């Protein structure tokens, strides 16, 4: 029966095409066009995309900033946060069948280098990045390594499944270096991952959670996600508003936010840094870190698959639906990016036209 199901859902590749959001040339912008439906290798699966969400990385690629120009080689289908159903299974791919609902770990690790062999696959020395160095998920179908797939309960809303990647980033950051139970925490930067971190801290028993941003819209969302207090750092001084914290979760990558966060960190505290600064950051390393005995943790991606296990369990306790504020079809990608750029939104998702009422 399983083989019959697989055959019934195999995509006819000869001449078959799909809609996709593509970076077709060097320079700003993206295009909605037509691309061939990918053919799967023996250890790969083909997914029919049911939901995909926009990320700051996608905006970098759209804008074609210095980072994008150095890391992206057009033509490329963009996007790396998605949920889909298995449409085809490679001959040697194990543990998956057609119609499984899955999310994708977007760091395609080699499983052979020193980092992978020592269970640090998120730091793989031969990493390929979904939607950055290999074709991504802003399309009707996407091909991924079977070992990078995370099976979801079949009743999981695809919009939530698409958030497993950024939710994993938040989980990794919150628990980098220890627990937050009974601790006071400041989350600097209330983009979607920062908002997720607020909710995780609340679910994990933090004594007090303070959220900062420069936009009131996102600070209102922070309250919905469980923040005890918020600070708009464009109009208020963080050190005057907060008398000190045990843990800094830095999500913005803004140099001033990094310095402000370290400034309110109590001696002996710890800082987890996820946000990527646009350039070098100046800080008083002696006063802010060394003499205060602060522990710094750089966070990249998700620990594969330890973070996913923890994230799956936390998803039972954390309601992420308030973060998902807008949905668009692929064809309206320009409008979706404009909204994201405005900051007047939470998480923006791309859905098949018939599913737009899912948000």
C-alpha atoms as a PDB file:
ATOM      1  CA  UNK A   1       0.000   0.000   0.000  1.00  0.00           C
ATOM      2  CA  UNK A   2       2.853   2.373   0.811  1.00  0.00           C
ATOM      3  CA  UNK A   3       4.418   1.985  -2.650  1.00  0.00           C
ATOM      4  CA  UNK A   4       1.033   2.530  -4.294  1.00  0.00           C
ATOM      5  CA  UNK A   5       0.599   5.742  -2.303  1.00  0.00           C
ATOM      6  CA  UNK A   6       4.038   6.924  -3.340  1.00  0.00           C
ATOM      7  CA  UNK A   7       3.401   6.163  -7.015  1.00  0.00           C
ATOM      8  CA  UNK A   8       0.053   7.963  -6.877  1.00  0.00           C
ATOM      9  CA  UNK A   9       1.719  11.145  -5.672  1.00  0.00           C
ATOM     10  CA  UNK A  10       4.868  11.108  -7.807  1.00  0.00           C
ATOM     11  CA  UNK A  11       5.266  14.311  -9.761  1.00  0.00           C
ATOM     12  CA  UNK A  12       5.537  13.969 -13.528  1.00  0.00           C
ATOM     13  CA  UNK A  13       8.821  15.751 -14.162  1.00  0.00           C
ATOM     14  CA  UNK A  14       8.954  15.713 -17.937  1.00  0.00           C
ATOM     15  CA  UNK A  15       8.252  19.323 -18.812  1.00  0.00           C
ATOM     16  CA  UNK A  16       6.621  19.948 -15.419  1.00  0.00           C
ATOM     17  CA  UNK A  17       7.031  23.436 -13.987  1.00  0.00           C
ATOM     18  CA  UNK A  18       6.024  25.358 -10.880  1.00  0.00           C
ATOM     19  CA  UNK A  19       5.778  28.932  -9.631  1.00  0.00           C
ATOM     20  CA  UNK A  20       8.755  30.164  -7.641  1.00  0.00           C
ATOM     21  CA  UNK A  21      10.238  33.374  -6.206  1.00  0.00           C
ATOM     22  CA  UNK A  22      13.664  33.712  -7.759  1.00  0.00           C
ATOM     23  CA  UNK A  23      16.794  35.799  -7.564  1.00  0.00           C
ATOM     24  CA  UNK A  24      17.585  35.664 -11.267  1.00  0.00           C
ATOM     25  CA  UNK A  25      20.425  38.175 -11.474  1.00  0.00           C
ATOM     26  CA  UNK A  26      22.873  40.165  -9.374  1.00  0.00           C
ATOM     27  CA  UNK A  27      21.305  43.300  -7.882  1.00  0.00           C
ATOM     28  CA  UNK A  28      18.229  44.293  -5.866  1.00  0.00           C
ATOM     29  CA  UNK A  29      14.851  42.656  -6.342  1.00  0.00           C
ATOM     30  CA  UNK A  30      13.218  39.249  -6.800  1.00  0.00           C
ATOM     31  CA  UNK A  31      10.979  37.848  -9.506  1.00  0.00           C
ATOM     32  CA  UNK A  32       7.989  35.508  -9.448  1.00  0.00           C
ATOM     33  CA  UNK A  33       8.547  33.162 -12.348  1.00  0.00           C
ATOM     34  CA  UNK A  34       8.457  29.597 -13.533  1.00  0.00           C
ATOM     35  CA  UNK A  35      11.017  26.932 -12.667  1.00  0.00           C
ATOM     36  CA  UNK A  36      11.263  23.190 -13.272  1.00  0.00           C
ATOM     37  CA  UNK A  37       9.890  20.967 -10.532  1.00  0.00           C
ATOM     38  CA  UNK A  38      13.021  19.470  -8.930  1.00  0.00           C
ATOM     39  CA  UNK A  39      13.898  15.810  -9.382  1.00  0.00           C
ATOM     40  CA  UNK A  40      14.763  14.012  -6.164  1.00  0.00           C
ATOM     41  CA  UNK A  41      17.944  12.077  -5.557  1.00  0.00           C
ATOM     42  CA  UNK A  42      18.059   8.743  -3.798  1.00  0.00           C
ATOM     43  CA  UNK A  43      18.416  10.283  -0.325  1.00  0.00           C
ATOM     44  CA  UNK A  44      16.114  13.255  -0.891  1.00  0.00           C
ATOM     45  CA  UNK A  45      12.414  14.014  -0.685  1.00  0.00           C
ATOM     46  CA  UNK A  46      10.198  16.342  -2.681  1.00  0.00           C
ATOM     47  CA  UNK A  47       7.855  18.496  -0.628  1.00  0.00           C
ATOM     48  CA  UNK A  48       4.678  20.220  -1.719  1.00  0.00           C
ATOM     49  CA  UNK A  49       4.997  23.517   0.152  1.00  0.00           C
ATOM     50  CA  UNK A  50       1.981  24.312   2.320  1.00  0.00           C
ATOM     51  CA  UNK A  51       3.353  27.411   4.068  1.00  0.00           C
ATOM     52  CA  UNK A  52       6.569  29.420   3.984  1.00  0.00           C
ATOM     53  CA  UNK A  53       7.553  32.403   6.107  1.00  0.00           C
ATOM     54  CA  UNK A  54       9.680  35.454   5.391  1.00  0.00           C
ATOM     55  CA  UNK A  55      12.920  36.062   7.271  1.00  0.00           C
ATOM     56  CA  UNK A  56      15.422  38.886   7.529  1.00  0.00           C
ATOM     57  CA  UNK A  57      17.830  36.810   5.449  1.00  0.00           C
ATOM     58  CA  UNK A  58      15.359  36.939   2.560  1.00  0.00           C
ATOM     59  CA  UNK A  59      15.275  40.732   2.870  1.00  0.00           C
ATOM     60  CA  UNK A  60      19.078  40.864   2.664  1.00  0.00           C
ATOM     61  CA  UNK A  61      18.907  38.839  -0.552  1.00  0.00           C
ATOM     62  CA  UNK A  62      16.158  41.067  -1.931  1.00  0.00           C
ATOM     63  CA  UNK A  63      18.171  44.219  -1.172  1.00  0.00           C
ATOM     64  CA  UNK A  64      21.394  42.629  -2.450  1.00  0.00           C
ATOM     65  CA  UNK A  65      23.532  44.046   0.341  1.00  0.00           C
ATOM     66  CA  UNK A  66      27.205  43.242   0.837  1.00  0.00           C
ATOM     67  CA  UNK A  67      26.454  39.967   2.624  1.00  0.00           C
ATOM     68  CA  UNK A  68      24.092  38.766  -0.107  1.00  0.00           C
ATOM     69  CA  UNK A  69      26.474  39.721  -2.896  1.00  0.00           C
ATOM     70  CA  UNK A  70      29.193  37.682  -1.181  1.00  0.00           C
ATOM     71  CA  UNK A  71      27.115  34.573  -0.469  1.00  0.00           C
ATOM     72  CA  UNK A  72      24.396  34.204  -3.106  1.00  0.00           C
ATOM     73  CA  UNK A  73      24.973  33.060  -6.690  1.00  0.00           C
ATOM     74  CA  UNK A  74      21.926  33.654  -8.948  1.00  0.00           C
ATOM     75  CA  UNK A  75      19.835  32.084 -10.296  1.00  0.00           C
ATOM     76  CA  UNK A  76      18.342  30.866  -7.036  1.00  0.00           C
ATOM     77  CA  UNK A  77      14.927  30.149  -5.553  1.00  0.00           C
ATOM     78  CA  UNK A  78      14.868  31.914  -2.178  1.00  0.00           C
ATOM     79  CA  UNK A  79      13.232  31.094   1.167  1.00  0.00           C
ATOM     80  CA  UNK A  80      14.240  28.728   3.967  1.00  0.00           C
ATOM     81  CA  UNK A  81      11.367  28.567   6.476  1.00  0.00           C
ATOM     82  CA  UNK A  82       8.638  26.167   5.392  1.00  0.00           C
ATOM     83  CA  UNK A  83       6.200  23.397   6.099  1.00  0.00           C
ATOM     84  CA  UNK A  84       5.071  20.908   3.496  1.00  0.00           C
ATOM     85  CA  UNK A  85       3.802  17.431   2.763  1.00  0.00           C
ATOM     86  CA  UNK A  86       6.003  14.748   1.292  1.00  0.00           C
ATOM     87  CA  UNK A  87       5.137  14.333  -2.389  1.00  0.00           C
ATOM     88  CA  UNK A  88       7.902  11.944  -3.420  1.00  0.00           C
ATOM     89  CA  UNK A  89      10.506   9.889  -1.568  1.00  0.00           C
ATOM     90  CA  UNK A  90      13.939   8.973  -2.896  1.00  0.00           C
ATOM     91  CA  UNK A  91      14.740   5.273  -3.218  1.00  0.00           C
ATOM     92  CA  UNK A  92      17.195   5.287  -0.298  1.00  0.00           C
ATOM     93  CA  UNK A  93      15.430   7.820   1.942  1.00  0.00           C
ATOM     94  CA  UNK A  94      14.267   6.200   5.164  1.00  0.00           C
ATOM     95  CA  UNK A  95      11.620   7.033   7.747  1.00  0.00           C
ATOM     96  CA  UNK A  96       9.338   9.084   5.488  1.00  0.00           C
ATOM     97  CA  UNK A  97       6.297   8.307   3.382  1.00  0.00           C
ATOM     98  CA  UNK A  98       4.129  10.297   1.030  1.00  0.00           C
ATOM     99  CA  UNK A  99       1.733  12.692   2.827  1.00  0.00           C
ATOM    100  CA  UNK A 100       3.912  13.077   5.937  1.00  0.00           C
ATOM    101  CA  UNK A 101       3.684  16.653   7.206  1.00  0.00           C
ATOM    102  CA  UNK A 102       7.163  18.037   7.823  1.00  0.00           C
ATOM    103  CA  UNK A 103       9.319  21.069   8.561  1.00  0.00           C
ATOM    104  CA  UNK A 104      12.854  21.522   7.266  1.00  0.00           C
ATOM    105  CA  UNK A 105      16.186  22.070   9.008  1.00  0.00           C
ATOM    106  CA  UNK A 106      17.663  24.611   6.601  1.00  0.00           C
ATOM    107  CA  UNK A 107      21.330  23.991   7.404  1.00  0.00           C
ATOM    108  CA  UNK A 108      22.274  21.179   5.044  1.00  0.00           C
ATOM    109  CA  UNK A 109      25.141  19.542   6.936  1.00  0.00           C
ATOM    110  CA  UNK A 110      27.626  17.087   5.422  1.00  0.00           C
ATOM    111  CA  UNK A 111      27.524  14.616   8.356  1.00  0.00           C
ATOM    112  CA  UNK A 112      31.205  13.870   7.764  1.00  0.00           C
ATOM    113  CA  UNK A 113      33.363  16.811   8.921  1.00  0.00           C
ATOM    114  CA  UNK A 114      34.843  17.280  12.392  1.00  0.00           C
ATOM    115  CA  UNK A 115      31.885  19.391  13.548  1.00  0.00           C
ATOM    116  CA  UNK A 116      29.295  16.898  12.339  1.00  0.00           C
ATOM    117  CA  UNK A 117      31.145  13.926  13.829  1.00  0.00           C
ATOM    118  CA  UNK A 118      31.205  15.662  17.217  1.00  0.00           C
ATOM    119  CA  UNK A 119      27.444  16.367  17.179  1.00  0.00           C
ATOM    120  CA  UNK A 120      27.822  20.020  16.202  1.00  0.00           C
ATOM    121  CA  UNK A 121      26.103  19.738  12.850  1.00  0.00           C
ATOM    122  CA  UNK A 122      24.823  23.317  13.073  1.00  0.00           C
ATOM    123  CA  UNK A 123      28.464  24.386  12.679  1.00  0.00           C
ATOM    124  CA  UNK A 124      29.243  22.035   9.770  1.00  0.00           C
ATOM    125  CA  UNK A 125      32.407  23.025   7.921  1.00  0.00           C
ATOM    126  CA  UNK A 126      30.793  22.197   4.563  1.00  0.00           C
ATOM    127  CA  UNK A 127      27.423  23.770   5.217  1.00  0.00           C
ATOM    128  CA  UNK A 128      24.981  24.421   2.402  1.00  0.00           C
ATOM    129  CA  UNK A 129      22.254  26.926   3.263  1.00  0.00           C
ATOM    130  CA  UNK A 130      18.662  26.409   2.182  1.00  0.00           C
ATOM    131  CA  UNK A 131      17.473  29.356   0.099  1.00  0.00           C
ATOM    132  CA  UNK A 132      20.947  30.942   0.167  1.00  0.00           C
ATOM    133  CA  UNK A 133      23.395  28.581  -1.503  1.00  0.00           C
ATOM    134  CA  UNK A 134      20.842  25.975  -2.677  1.00  0.00           C
ATOM    135  CA  UNK A 135      17.313  26.462  -3.993  1.00  0.00           C
ATOM    136  CA  UNK A 136      14.799  27.282  -1.284  1.00  0.00           C
ATOM    137  CA  UNK A 137      11.110  26.997  -0.498  1.00  0.00           C
ATOM    138  CA  UNK A 138       9.343  30.057  -1.937  1.00  0.00           C
ATOM    139  CA  UNK A 139       7.892  27.744  -4.545  1.00  0.00           C
ATOM    140  CA  UNK A 140       5.160  25.183  -5.036  1.00  0.00           C
ATOM    141  CA  UNK A 141       7.614  22.310  -4.574  1.00  0.00           C
ATOM    142  CA  UNK A 142      11.058  21.990  -3.011  1.00  0.00           C
ATOM    143  CA  UNK A 143      13.700  19.263  -2.848  1.00  0.00           C
ATOM    144  CA  UNK A 144      15.547  18.658   0.440  1.00  0.00           C
ATOM    145  CA  UNK A 145      17.791  15.976   1.966  1.00  0.00           C
ATOM    146  CA  UNK A 146      15.667  13.421   3.790  1.00  0.00           C
ATOM    147  CA  UNK A 147      17.913  13.695   6.864  1.00  0.00           C
ATOM    148  CA  UNK A 148      17.011  17.409   7.151  1.00  0.00           C
ATOM    149  CA  UNK A 149      13.292  16.757   7.494  1.00  0.00           C
ATOM    150  CA  UNK A 150      11.466  16.962  10.831  1.00  0.00           C
ATOM    151  CA  UNK A 151       8.139  15.126  10.982  1.00  0.00           C
ATOM    152  CA  UNK A 152       5.245  17.033  12.521  1.00  0.00           C
ATOM    153  CA  UNK A 153       1.978  15.783  14.025  1.00  0.00           C
ATOM    154  CA  UNK A 154      -0.495  15.584  11.113  1.00  0.00           C
ATOM    155  CA  UNK A 155      -2.873  18.090  12.738  1.00  0.00           C
ATOM    156  CA  UNK A 156      -0.195  20.824  12.959  1.00  0.00           C
ATOM    157  CA  UNK A 157      -1.336  24.001  11.129  1.00  0.00           C
ATOM    158  CA  UNK A 158       1.142  24.538   8.268  1.00  0.00           C
ATOM    159  CA  UNK A 159       1.609  28.171   9.326  1.00  0.00           C
ATOM    160  CA  UNK A 160       2.972  26.963  12.671  1.00  0.00           C
ATOM    161  CA  UNK A 161       5.024  24.244  11.020  1.00  0.00           C
ATOM    162  CA  UNK A 162       6.728  26.896   8.914  1.00  0.00           C
ATOM    163  CA  UNK A 163       7.870  28.611  12.115  1.00  0.00           C
ATOM    164  CA  UNK A 164       9.830  25.632  13.438  1.00  0.00           C
ATOM    165  CA  UNK A 165      13.079  26.979  11.950  1.00  0.00           C
ATOM    166  CA  UNK A 166      12.953  30.446  13.596  1.00  0.00           C
ATOM    167  CA  UNK A 167      11.355  28.993  16.726  1.00  0.00           C
ATOM    168  CA  UNK A 168      14.366  26.702  16.973  1.00  0.00           C
ATOM    169  CA  UNK A 169      16.643  29.750  16.757  1.00  0.00           C
ATOM    170  CA  UNK A 170      14.770  31.277  19.684  1.00  0.00           C
ATOM    171  CA  UNK A 171      14.921  28.067  21.726  1.00  0.00           C
ATOM    172  CA  UNK A 172      18.663  27.716  21.091  1.00  0.00           C
ATOM    173  CA  UNK A 173      19.253  31.318  22.171  1.00  0.00           C
ATOM    174  CA  UNK A 174      17.114  31.238  25.317  1.00  0.00           C
ATOM    175  CA  UNK A 175      18.865  28.183  26.715  1.00  0.00           C
ATOM    176  CA  UNK A 176      22.405  28.937  25.546  1.00  0.00           C
ATOM    177  CA  UNK A 177      24.530  28.624  28.678  1.00  0.00           C
ATOM    178  CA  UNK A 178      21.764  27.581  31.076  1.00  0.00           C
ATOM    179  CA  UNK A 179      18.109  27.798  32.053  1.00  0.00           C
ATOM    180  CA  UNK A 180      16.095  30.970  32.623  1.00  0.00           C
ATOM    181  CA  UNK A 181      13.842  29.675  35.407  1.00  0.00           C
ATOM    182  CA  UNK A 182      13.738  32.245  38.202  1.00  0.00           C
ATOM    183  CA  UNK A 183      15.932  34.654  36.224  1.00  0.00           C
ATOM    184  CA  UNK A 184      15.324  38.204  35.055  1.00  0.00           C
ATOM    185  CA  UNK A 185      15.731  38.446  31.284  1.00  0.00           C
ATOM    186  CA  UNK A 186      15.941  41.253  28.753  1.00  0.00           C
ATOM    187  CA  UNK A 187      15.184  40.500  25.094  1.00  0.00           C
ATOM    188  CA  UNK A 188      16.619  43.194  22.824  1.00  0.00           C
ATOM    189  CA  UNK A 189      14.846  43.230  19.474  1.00  0.00           C
ATOM    190  CA  UNK A 190      11.213  42.149  19.049  1.00  0.00           C
ATOM    191  CA  UNK A 191      11.226  40.779  15.565  1.00  0.00           C
ATOM    192  CA  UNK A 192       9.518  37.385  15.282  1.00  0.00           C
ATOM    193  CA  UNK A 193      12.416  35.461  16.873  1.00  0.00           C
ATOM    194  CA  UNK A 194      12.650  37.945  19.729  1.00  0.00           C
ATOM    195  CA  UNK A 195       8.902  37.623  20.291  1.00  0.00           C
ATOM    196  CA  UNK A 196       9.252  33.853  20.326  1.00  0.00           C
ATOM    197  CA  UNK A 197      12.047  34.185  22.896  1.00  0.00           C
ATOM    198  CA  UNK A 198       9.745  36.240  25.130  1.00  0.00           C
ATOM    199  CA  UNK A 199       7.127  33.472  25.035  1.00  0.00           C
ATOM    200  CA  UNK A 200       9.720  30.751  25.689  1.00  0.00           C
ATOM    201  CA  UNK A 201      11.100  32.626  28.710  1.00  0.00           C
ATOM    202  CA  UNK A 202       7.607  32.947  30.121  1.00  0.00           C
ATOM    203  CA  UNK A 203       6.881  29.246  29.563  1.00  0.00           C
ATOM    204  CA  UNK A 204      10.264  28.287  31.064  1.00  0.00           C
ATOM    205  CA  UNK A 205       9.581  30.103  34.333  1.00  0.00           C
ATOM    206  CA  UNK A 206      11.570  33.330  34.017  1.00  0.00           C
ATOM    207  CA  UNK A 207      10.928  35.639  36.970  1.00  0.00           C
ATOM    208  CA  UNK A 208      10.693  38.768  34.815  1.00  0.00           C
ATOM    209  CA  UNK A 209      10.905  39.367  31.070  1.00  0.00           C
ATOM    210  CA  UNK A 210      11.677  42.808  29.638  1.00  0.00           C
ATOM    211  CA  UNK A 211      11.443  43.375  25.883  1.00  0.00           C
ATOM    212  CA  UNK A 212      12.983  46.247  23.910  1.00  0.00           C
ATOM    213  CA  UNK A 213      12.515  47.547  20.393  1.00  0.00           C
ATOM    214  CA  UNK A 214      12.203  50.815  18.479  1.00  0.00           C
ATOM    215  CA  UNK A 215       8.658  50.140  17.245  1.00  0.00           C
ATOM    216  CA  UNK A 216       5.492  50.287  19.327  1.00  0.00           C
ATOM    217  CA  UNK A 217       3.703  47.725  17.127  1.00  0.00           C
ATOM    218  CA  UNK A 218       6.186  45.002  17.992  1.00  0.00           C
ATOM    219  CA  UNK A 219       6.288  46.013  21.638  1.00  0.00           C
ATOM    220  CA  UNK A 220       2.523  45.509  21.803  1.00  0.00           C
ATOM    221  CA  UNK A 221       3.062  42.022  20.398  1.00  0.00           C
ATOM    222  CA  UNK A 222       5.714  41.445  23.084  1.00  0.00           C
ATOM    223  CA  UNK A 223       3.055  42.041  25.744  1.00  0.00           C
ATOM    224  CA  UNK A 224       0.823  39.473  24.017  1.00  0.00           C
ATOM    225  CA  UNK A 225       3.676  36.967  24.099  1.00  0.00           C
ATOM    226  CA  UNK A 226       4.162  37.389  27.857  1.00  0.00           C
ATOM    227  CA  UNK A 227       6.555  40.289  28.482  1.00  0.00           C
ATOM    228  CA  UNK A 228       6.220  41.861  31.930  1.00  0.00           C
ATOM    229  CA  UNK A 229       7.392  45.237  30.654  1.00  0.00           C
ATOM    230  CA  UNK A 230       8.619  46.796  27.412  1.00  0.00           C
ATOM    231  CA  UNK A 231      10.980  49.645  26.595  1.00  0.00           C
ATOM    232  CA  UNK A 232      10.944  51.660  23.381  1.00  0.00           C
ATOM    233  CA  UNK A 233      14.652  52.433  23.215  1.00  0.00           C
ATOM    234  CA  UNK A 234      14.112  55.127  20.591  1.00  0.00           C
ATOM    235  CA  UNK A 235      12.444  57.277  23.263  1.00  0.00           C
ATOM    236  CA  UNK A 236      13.610  55.796  26.598  1.00  0.00           C
ATOM    237  CA  UNK A 237      16.930  54.914  28.194  1.00  0.00           C
ATOM    238  CA  UNK A 238      17.192  51.192  28.906  1.00  0.00           C
ATOM    239  CA  UNK A 239      19.525  51.584  31.894  1.00  0.00           C
ATOM    240  CA  UNK A 240      17.063  53.994  33.517  1.00  0.00           C
ATOM    241  CA  UNK A 241      14.124  51.687  32.811  1.00  0.00           C
ATOM    242  CA  UNK A 242      15.793  48.459  33.975  1.00  0.00           C
ATOM    243  CA  UNK A 243      17.790  48.133  37.202  1.00  0.00           C
ATOM    244  CA  UNK A 244      19.598  45.012  36.019  1.00  0.00           C
ATOM    245  CA  UNK A 245      19.046  41.522  34.600  1.00  0.00           C
ATOM    246  CA  UNK A 246      20.555  38.050  34.856  1.00  0.00           C
ATOM    247  CA  UNK A 247      20.287  37.166  31.178  1.00  0.00           C
ATOM    248  CA  UNK A 248      20.572  39.146  27.935  1.00  0.00           C
ATOM    249  CA  UNK A 249      19.045  37.669  24.772  1.00  0.00           C
ATOM    250  CA  UNK A 250      20.243  39.900  21.932  1.00  0.00           C
ATOM    251  CA  UNK A 251      18.137  39.451  18.791  1.00  0.00           C
ATOM    252  CA  UNK A 252      18.523  42.721  16.895  1.00  0.00           C
ATOM    253  CA  UNK A 253      22.173  42.790  15.873  1.00  0.00           C
ATOM    254  CA  UNK A 254      22.164  46.536  16.377  1.00  0.00           C
ATOM    255  CA  UNK A 255      25.455  47.748  17.908  1.00  0.00           C
ATOM    256  CA  UNK A 256      23.697  50.132  20.280  1.00  0.00           C
ATOM    257  CA  UNK A 257      21.324  47.408  21.458  1.00  0.00           C
ATOM    258  CA  UNK A 258      24.265  45.091  22.141  1.00  0.00           C
ATOM    259  CA  UNK A 259      25.990  47.730  24.245  1.00  0.00           C
ATOM    260  CA  UNK A 260      22.795  48.684  26.068  1.00  0.00           C
ATOM    261  CA  UNK A 261      22.031  45.040  26.820  1.00  0.00           C
ATOM    262  CA  UNK A 262      25.498  44.386  28.193  1.00  0.00           C
ATOM    263  CA  UNK A 263      25.172  47.588  30.221  1.00  0.00           C
ATOM    264  CA  UNK A 264      22.145  46.309  32.176  1.00  0.00           C
ATOM    265  CA  UNK A 265      23.565  42.827  32.679  1.00  0.00           C
ATOM    266  CA  UNK A 266      24.433  42.145  36.302  1.00  0.00           C
ATOM    267  CA  UNK A 267      27.924  40.871  37.211  1.00  0.00           C
ATOM    268  CA  UNK A 268      28.110  37.143  36.638  1.00  0.00           C
ATOM    269  CA  UNK A 269      25.274  37.272  34.125  1.00  0.00           C
ATOM    270  CA  UNK A 270      25.209  35.720  30.699  1.00  0.00           C
ATOM    271  CA  UNK A 271      24.493  37.036  27.214  1.00  0.00           C
ATOM    272  CA  UNK A 272      23.330  35.024  24.202  1.00  0.00           C
ATOM    273  CA  UNK A 273      23.870  36.851  20.910  1.00  0.00           C
ATOM    274  CA  UNK A 274      21.825  35.791  17.877  1.00  0.00           C
ATOM    275  CA  UNK A 275      21.385  39.063  15.951  1.00  0.00           C
ATOM    276  CA  UNK A 276      23.962  39.652  13.215  1.00  0.00           C
ATOM    277  CA  UNK A 277      25.484  43.169  13.297  1.00  0.00           C
ATOM    278  CA  UNK A 278      25.827  44.930   9.924  1.00  0.00           C
ATOM    279  CA  UNK A 279      29.470  45.739  10.662  1.00  0.00           C
ATOM    280  CA  UNK A 280      32.065  45.629  13.455  1.00  0.00           C
ATOM    281  CA  UNK A 281      30.792  46.496  16.933  1.00  0.00           C
ATOM    282  CA  UNK A 282      32.764  48.672  19.328  1.00  0.00           C
ATOM    283  CA  UNK A 283      32.437  47.829  23.012  1.00  0.00           C
ATOM    284  CA  UNK A 284      34.289  48.275  26.258  1.00  0.00           C
ATOM    285  CA  UNK A 285      35.276  44.639  26.631  1.00  0.00           C
ATOM    286  CA  UNK A 286      36.997  45.160  29.985  1.00  0.00           C
ATOM    287  CA  UNK A 287      34.129  47.029  31.680  1.00  0.00           C
ATOM    288  CA  UNK A 288      31.203  45.253  30.050  1.00  0.00           C
ATOM    289  CA  UNK A 289      32.430  41.668  30.000  1.00  0.00           C
ATOM    290  CA  UNK A 290      35.753  40.801  31.662  1.00  0.00           C
ATOM    291  CA  UNK A 291      35.519  42.732  34.922  1.00  0.00           C
ATOM    292  CA  UNK A 292      31.838  41.809  35.294  1.00  0.00           C
ATOM    293  CA  UNK A 293      32.519  38.107  34.807  1.00  0.00           C
ATOM    294  CA  UNK A 294      29.935  37.928  32.012  1.00  0.00           C
ATOM    295  CA  UNK A 295      29.549  34.780  29.892  1.00  0.00           C
ATOM    296  CA  UNK A 296      29.069  35.418  26.173  1.00  0.00           C
ATOM    297  CA  UNK A 297      27.438  32.847  23.911  1.00  0.00           C
ATOM    298  CA  UNK A 298      27.341  33.223  20.146  1.00  0.00           C
ATOM    299  CA  UNK A 299      24.304  31.438  18.712  1.00  0.00           C
ATOM    300  CA  UNK A 300      24.017  30.128  15.160  1.00  0.00           C
ATOM    301  CA  UNK A 301      21.022  28.196  13.918  1.00  0.00           C
ATOM    302  CA  UNK A 302      19.744  25.219  15.868  1.00  0.00           C
ATOM    303  CA  UNK A 303      21.570  22.269  17.391  1.00  0.00           C
ATOM    304  CA  UNK A 304      20.648  19.372  15.111  1.00  0.00           C
ATOM    305  CA  UNK A 305      18.461  17.819  16.325  1.00  0.00           C
ATOM    306  CA  UNK A 306      18.646  18.495  20.070  1.00  0.00           C
ATOM    307  CA  UNK A 307      17.102  21.938  19.667  1.00  0.00           C
ATOM    308  CA  UNK A 308      14.323  20.517  17.492  1.00  0.00           C
ATOM    309  CA  UNK A 309      13.374  18.028  20.205  1.00  0.00           C
ATOM    310  CA  UNK A 310      13.155  20.800  22.787  1.00  0.00           C
ATOM    311  CA  UNK A 311      11.297  23.103  20.403  1.00  0.00           C
ATOM    312  CA  UNK A 312       8.720  20.429  19.603  1.00  0.00           C
ATOM    313  CA  UNK A 313       8.002  19.971  23.309  1.00  0.00           C
ATOM    314  CA  UNK A 314       7.846  23.723  23.959  1.00  0.00           C
ATOM    315  CA  UNK A 315       5.435  24.200  21.063  1.00  0.00           C
ATOM    316  CA  UNK A 316       2.880  22.371  23.205  1.00  0.00           C
ATOM    317  CA  UNK A 317       3.171  25.139  25.816  1.00  0.00           C
ATOM    318  CA  UNK A 318       3.753  28.218  23.670  1.00  0.00           C
ATOM    319  CA  UNK A 319       1.111  29.816  21.456  1.00  0.00           C
ATOM    320  CA  UNK A 320       2.828  31.345  18.428  1.00  0.00           C
ATOM    321  CA  UNK A 321      -0.343  32.352  16.584  1.00  0.00           C
ATOM    322  CA  UNK A 322      -0.243  36.039  17.728  1.00  0.00           C
ATOM    323  CA  UNK A 323       3.106  36.392  15.946  1.00  0.00           C
ATOM    324  CA  UNK A 324       1.608  35.420  12.575  1.00  0.00           C
ATOM    325  CA  UNK A 325      -0.030  38.655  11.473  1.00  0.00           C
ATOM    326  CA  UNK A 326      -0.223  38.537   7.661  1.00  0.00           C
ATOM    327  CA  UNK A 327      -0.410  36.067   4.776  1.00  0.00           C
ATOM    328  CA  UNK A 328       0.115  36.462   1.030  1.00  0.00           C
ATOM    329  CA  UNK A 329       0.248  34.263  -2.069  1.00  0.00           C
ATOM    330  CA  UNK A 330       3.594  33.918  -3.862  1.00  0.00           C
ATOM    331  CA  UNK A 331       2.503  36.409  -6.514  1.00  0.00           C
ATOM    332  CA  UNK A 332       2.271  39.184  -3.914  1.00  0.00           C
ATOM    333  CA  UNK A 333       5.845  38.830  -2.711  1.00  0.00           C
ATOM    334  CA  UNK A 334       6.583  42.531  -3.318  1.00  0.00           C
ATOM    335  CA  UNK A 335       3.728  43.557  -1.037  1.00  0.00           C
ATOM    336  CA  UNK A 336       4.867  41.047   1.572  1.00  0.00           C
ATOM    337  CA  UNK A 337       8.406  42.444   1.590  1.00  0.00           C
ATOM    338  CA  UNK A 338       7.134  46.027   1.766  1.00  0.00           C
ATOM    339  CA  UNK A 339       5.081  45.166   4.843  1.00  0.00           C
ATOM    340  CA  UNK A 340       8.004  43.368   6.442  1.00  0.00           C
ATOM    341  CA  UNK A 341      10.247  46.342   5.792  1.00  0.00           C
ATOM    342  CA  UNK A 342       7.746  48.686   7.459  1.00  0.00           C
ATOM    343  CA  UNK A 343       7.976  46.860  10.780  1.00  0.00           C
ATOM    344  CA  UNK A 344       4.194  47.051  11.165  1.00  0.00           C
ATOM    345  CA  UNK A 345       3.805  43.297  11.300  1.00  0.00           C
ATOM    346  CA  UNK A 346       4.841  40.140  13.064  1.00  0.00           C
ATOM    347  CA  UNK A 347       5.601  37.075  10.997  1.00  0.00           C
ATOM    348  CA  UNK A 348       4.582  37.236   7.338  1.00  0.00           C
ATOM    349  CA  UNK A 349       3.771  33.933   5.634  1.00  0.00           C
ATOM    350  CA  UNK A 350       3.276  32.818   2.049  1.00  0.00           C
ATOM    351  CA  UNK A 351       0.424  30.383   1.459  1.00  0.00           C
ATOM    352  CA  UNK A 352      -1.272  28.653  -1.474  1.00  0.00           C
ATOM    353  CA  UNK A 353      -4.158  30.881  -2.635  1.00  0.00           C
ATOM    354  CA  UNK A 354      -6.839  28.531  -1.328  1.00  0.00           C
ATOM    355  CA  UNK A 355      -5.322  28.559   2.159  1.00  0.00           C
ATOM    356  CA  UNK A 356      -5.002  32.295   2.733  1.00  0.00           C
ATOM    357  CA  UNK A 357      -7.690  32.211   5.422  1.00  0.00           C
ATOM    358  CA  UNK A 358      -5.361  30.065   7.549  1.00  0.00           C
ATOM    359  CA  UNK A 359      -4.114  33.206   9.322  1.00  0.00           C
END
